[in-house]
Amino acid sequence: METNDWAKLQEELLKAQLGVIRNYLKSVEPGGHERKSSQSKSLSHIRIITDVLSAAGSPLHVSEIIRLVSERHGITLDRESVVSALTKKVKKGVTFTRTGPNIFGLKET
């Protein structure tokens, strides 16, 4: 391998290593704490949806849930993801009920 080819290979390896390090640093908050994973973000979306349904006091269509979350929290939720997440919770018998097509409410305690 020629010196020039070897140098280019080393440059590419170093760029890849630097990319990994930068991604790691982005995932760490100041003070050395790792940021929450995408799973915890999903949980926070579920908490926000729970708050919206609690404030409404009755079941809401998924479109209304998404609209209220957007108005109150400035977050745009993906419709299919919301329906999927809520349907999974309904099937597990946790927190939510389904009262009609894409209409979800809070399970009474």
C-alpha atoms as a PDB file:
ATOM      1  CA  MET A   1       0.000   0.000   0.000  1.00  0.00           C
ATOM      2  CA  GLU A   2       1.392   3.370  -0.955  1.00  0.00           C
ATOM      3  CA  THR A   3       1.892   6.075   1.643  1.00  0.00           C
ATOM      4  CA  ASN A   4      -0.814   8.255   0.093  1.00  0.00           C
ATOM      5  CA  ASP A   5      -3.374   5.406   0.161  1.00  0.00           C
ATOM      6  CA  TRP A   6      -2.419   4.559   3.750  1.00  0.00           C
ATOM      7  CA  ALA A   7      -2.856   8.205   4.782  1.00  0.00           C
ATOM      8  CA  LYS A   8      -6.315   8.367   3.155  1.00  0.00           C
ATOM      9  CA  LEU A   9      -7.349   5.165   4.937  1.00  0.00           C
ATOM     10  CA  GLN A  10      -6.169   6.540   8.271  1.00  0.00           C
ATOM     11  CA  GLU A  11      -8.023   9.794   7.635  1.00  0.00           C
ATOM     12  CA  GLU A  12     -11.288   7.891   6.977  1.00  0.00           C
ATOM     13  CA  LEU A  13     -10.826   5.781  10.115  1.00  0.00           C
ATOM     14  CA  LEU A  14     -10.208   8.884  12.217  1.00  0.00           C
ATOM     15  CA  LYS A  15     -13.284  10.603  10.750  1.00  0.00           C
ATOM     16  CA  ALA A  16     -15.404   7.588  11.678  1.00  0.00           C
ATOM     17  CA  GLN A  17     -13.993   7.549  15.217  1.00  0.00           C
ATOM     18  CA  LEU A  18     -14.591  11.280  15.576  1.00  0.00           C
ATOM     19  CA  GLY A  19     -18.206  10.808  14.443  1.00  0.00           C
ATOM     20  CA  VAL A  20     -18.762   8.173  17.133  1.00  0.00           C
ATOM     21  CA  ILE A  21     -17.250  10.449  19.789  1.00  0.00           C
ATOM     22  CA  ARG A  22     -19.378  13.421  18.692  1.00  0.00           C
ATOM     23  CA  ASN A  23     -22.551  11.307  18.787  1.00  0.00           C
ATOM     24  CA  TYR A  24     -21.645  10.149  22.277  1.00  0.00           C
ATOM     25  CA  LEU A  25     -21.039  13.706  23.459  1.00  0.00           C
ATOM     26  CA  LYS A  26     -24.414  14.773  22.064  1.00  0.00           C
ATOM     27  CA  SER A  27     -26.062  12.047  24.136  1.00  0.00           C
ATOM     28  CA  VAL A  28     -24.437  13.205  27.380  1.00  0.00           C
ATOM     29  CA  GLU A  29     -25.754  16.196  29.298  1.00  0.00           C
ATOM     30  CA  PRO A  30     -23.410  18.606  31.077  1.00  0.00           C
ATOM     31  CA  GLY A  31     -22.360  17.064  34.370  1.00  0.00           C
ATOM     32  CA  GLY A  32     -21.807  13.627  32.875  1.00  0.00           C
ATOM     33  CA  HIS A  33     -25.398  12.365  32.881  1.00  0.00           C
ATOM     34  CA  GLU A  34     -26.611  10.480  29.840  1.00  0.00           C
ATOM     35  CA  ARG A  35     -29.717  11.850  28.174  1.00  0.00           C
ATOM     36  CA  LYS A  36     -32.912   9.893  28.300  1.00  0.00           C
ATOM     37  CA  SER A  37     -33.433   7.364  25.549  1.00  0.00           C
ATOM     38  CA  SER A  38     -36.130   7.539  22.901  1.00  0.00           C
ATOM     39  CA  GLN A  39     -38.157   5.150  25.063  1.00  0.00           C
ATOM     40  CA  SER A  40     -38.372   7.736  27.847  1.00  0.00           C
ATOM     41  CA  LYS A  41     -39.403  10.341  25.277  1.00  0.00           C
ATOM     42  CA  SER A  42     -42.207   7.994  24.286  1.00  0.00           C
ATOM     43  CA  LEU A  43     -43.201   7.684  27.923  1.00  0.00           C
ATOM     44  CA  SER A  44     -43.324  11.440  28.269  1.00  0.00           C
ATOM     45  CA  HIS A  45     -45.651  11.558  25.258  1.00  0.00           C
ATOM     46  CA  ILE A  46     -47.879   9.033  27.002  1.00  0.00           C
ATOM     47  CA  ARG A  47     -47.832  11.207  30.124  1.00  0.00           C
ATOM     48  CA  ILE A  48     -48.778  14.265  28.072  1.00  0.00           C
ATOM     49  CA  ILE A  49     -51.634  12.353  26.434  1.00  0.00           C
ATOM     50  CA  THR A  50     -52.764  11.194  29.877  1.00  0.00           C
ATOM     51  CA  ASP A  51     -52.787  14.805  31.087  1.00  0.00           C
ATOM     52  CA  VAL A  52     -54.801  15.941  28.036  1.00  0.00           C
ATOM     53  CA  LEU A  53     -57.371  13.173  28.515  1.00  0.00           C
ATOM     54  CA  SER A  54     -57.561  13.862  32.240  1.00  0.00           C
ATOM     55  CA  ALA A  55     -58.214  17.559  31.606  1.00  0.00           C
ATOM     56  CA  ALA A  56     -60.861  16.703  28.994  1.00  0.00           C
ATOM     57  CA  GLY A  57     -62.689  14.464  31.438  1.00  0.00           C
ATOM     58  CA  SER A  58     -64.012  12.232  28.651  1.00  0.00           C
ATOM     59  CA  PRO A  59     -62.677  10.096  25.789  1.00  0.00           C
ATOM     60  CA  LEU A  60     -61.342  11.943  22.752  1.00  0.00           C
ATOM     61  CA  HIS A  61     -60.685  11.059  19.135  1.00  0.00           C
ATOM     62  CA  VAL A  62     -56.981  10.722  18.341  1.00  0.00           C
ATOM     63  CA  SER A  63     -57.150  13.805  16.088  1.00  0.00           C
ATOM     64  CA  GLU A  64     -58.430  15.875  19.003  1.00  0.00           C
ATOM     65  CA  ILE A  65     -55.754  14.454  21.313  1.00  0.00           C
ATOM     66  CA  ILE A  66     -53.037  15.404  18.821  1.00  0.00           C
ATOM     67  CA  ARG A  67     -54.519  18.894  18.363  1.00  0.00           C
ATOM     68  CA  LEU A  68     -54.695  19.525  22.123  1.00  0.00           C
ATOM     69  CA  VAL A  69     -51.145  18.236  22.695  1.00  0.00           C
ATOM     70  CA  SER A  70     -49.939  20.567  19.955  1.00  0.00           C
ATOM     71  CA  GLU A  71     -51.811  23.565  21.413  1.00  0.00           C
ATOM     72  CA  ARG A  72     -50.844  22.997  25.033  1.00  0.00           C
ATOM     73  CA  HIS A  73     -47.328  21.605  24.708  1.00  0.00           C
ATOM     74  CA  GLY A  74     -46.130  22.672  21.261  1.00  0.00           C
ATOM     75  CA  ILE A  75     -45.404  19.059  20.327  1.00  0.00           C
ATOM     76  CA  THR A  76     -46.490  17.507  17.048  1.00  0.00           C
ATOM     77  CA  LEU A  77     -47.269  13.832  17.532  1.00  0.00           C
ATOM     78  CA  ASP A  78     -47.389  11.269  14.750  1.00  0.00           C
ATOM     79  CA  ARG A  79     -50.961   9.976  14.419  1.00  0.00           C
ATOM     80  CA  GLU A  80     -50.005   6.358  13.708  1.00  0.00           C
ATOM     81  CA  SER A  81     -47.545   6.277  16.605  1.00  0.00           C
ATOM     82  CA  VAL A  82     -50.162   7.644  19.008  1.00  0.00           C
ATOM     83  CA  VAL A  83     -52.789   5.123  17.903  1.00  0.00           C
ATOM     84  CA  SER A  84     -50.263   2.295  18.109  1.00  0.00           C
ATOM     85  CA  ALA A  85     -49.033   3.269  21.574  1.00  0.00           C
ATOM     86  CA  LEU A  86     -52.532   3.768  22.969  1.00  0.00           C
ATOM     87  CA  THR A  87     -53.792   0.517  21.418  1.00  0.00           C
ATOM     88  CA  LYS A  88     -50.940  -1.389  23.065  1.00  0.00           C
ATOM     89  CA  LYS A  89     -51.814   0.148  26.431  1.00  0.00           C
ATOM     90  CA  VAL A  90     -55.507  -0.721  25.931  1.00  0.00           C
ATOM     91  CA  LYS A  91     -54.632  -4.344  25.095  1.00  0.00           C
ATOM     92  CA  LYS A  92     -52.492  -4.561  28.227  1.00  0.00           C
ATOM     93  CA  GLY A  93     -55.369  -3.115  30.236  1.00  0.00           C
ATOM     94  CA  VAL A  94     -53.197  -0.240  31.397  1.00  0.00           C
ATOM     95  CA  THR A  95     -54.327   3.378  31.820  1.00  0.00           C
ATOM     96  CA  PHE A  96     -56.421   3.748  28.644  1.00  0.00           C
ATOM     97  CA  THR A  97     -59.704   2.494  27.240  1.00  0.00           C
ATOM     98  CA  ARG A  98     -60.968   2.482  23.678  1.00  0.00           C
ATOM     99  CA  THR A  99     -64.574   3.585  23.386  1.00  0.00           C
ATOM    100  CA  GLY A 100     -64.821   3.710  19.596  1.00  0.00           C
ATOM    101  CA  PRO A 101     -62.762   3.848  16.418  1.00  0.00           C
ATOM    102  CA  ASN A 102     -59.651   5.861  17.366  1.00  0.00           C
ATOM    103  CA  ILE A 103     -61.427   7.223  20.444  1.00  0.00           C
ATOM    104  CA  PHE A 104     -59.468   6.810  23.652  1.00  0.00           C
ATOM    105  CA  GLY A 105     -60.133   7.678  27.249  1.00  0.00           C
ATOM    106  CA  LEU A 106     -58.632   7.066  30.650  1.00  0.00           C
ATOM    107  CA  LYS A 107     -59.372   3.843  32.418  1.00  0.00           C
ATOM    108  CA  GLU A 108     -61.392   4.495  35.552  1.00  0.00           C
ATOM    109  CA  THR A 109     -59.555   3.645  38.740  1.00  0.00           C
END
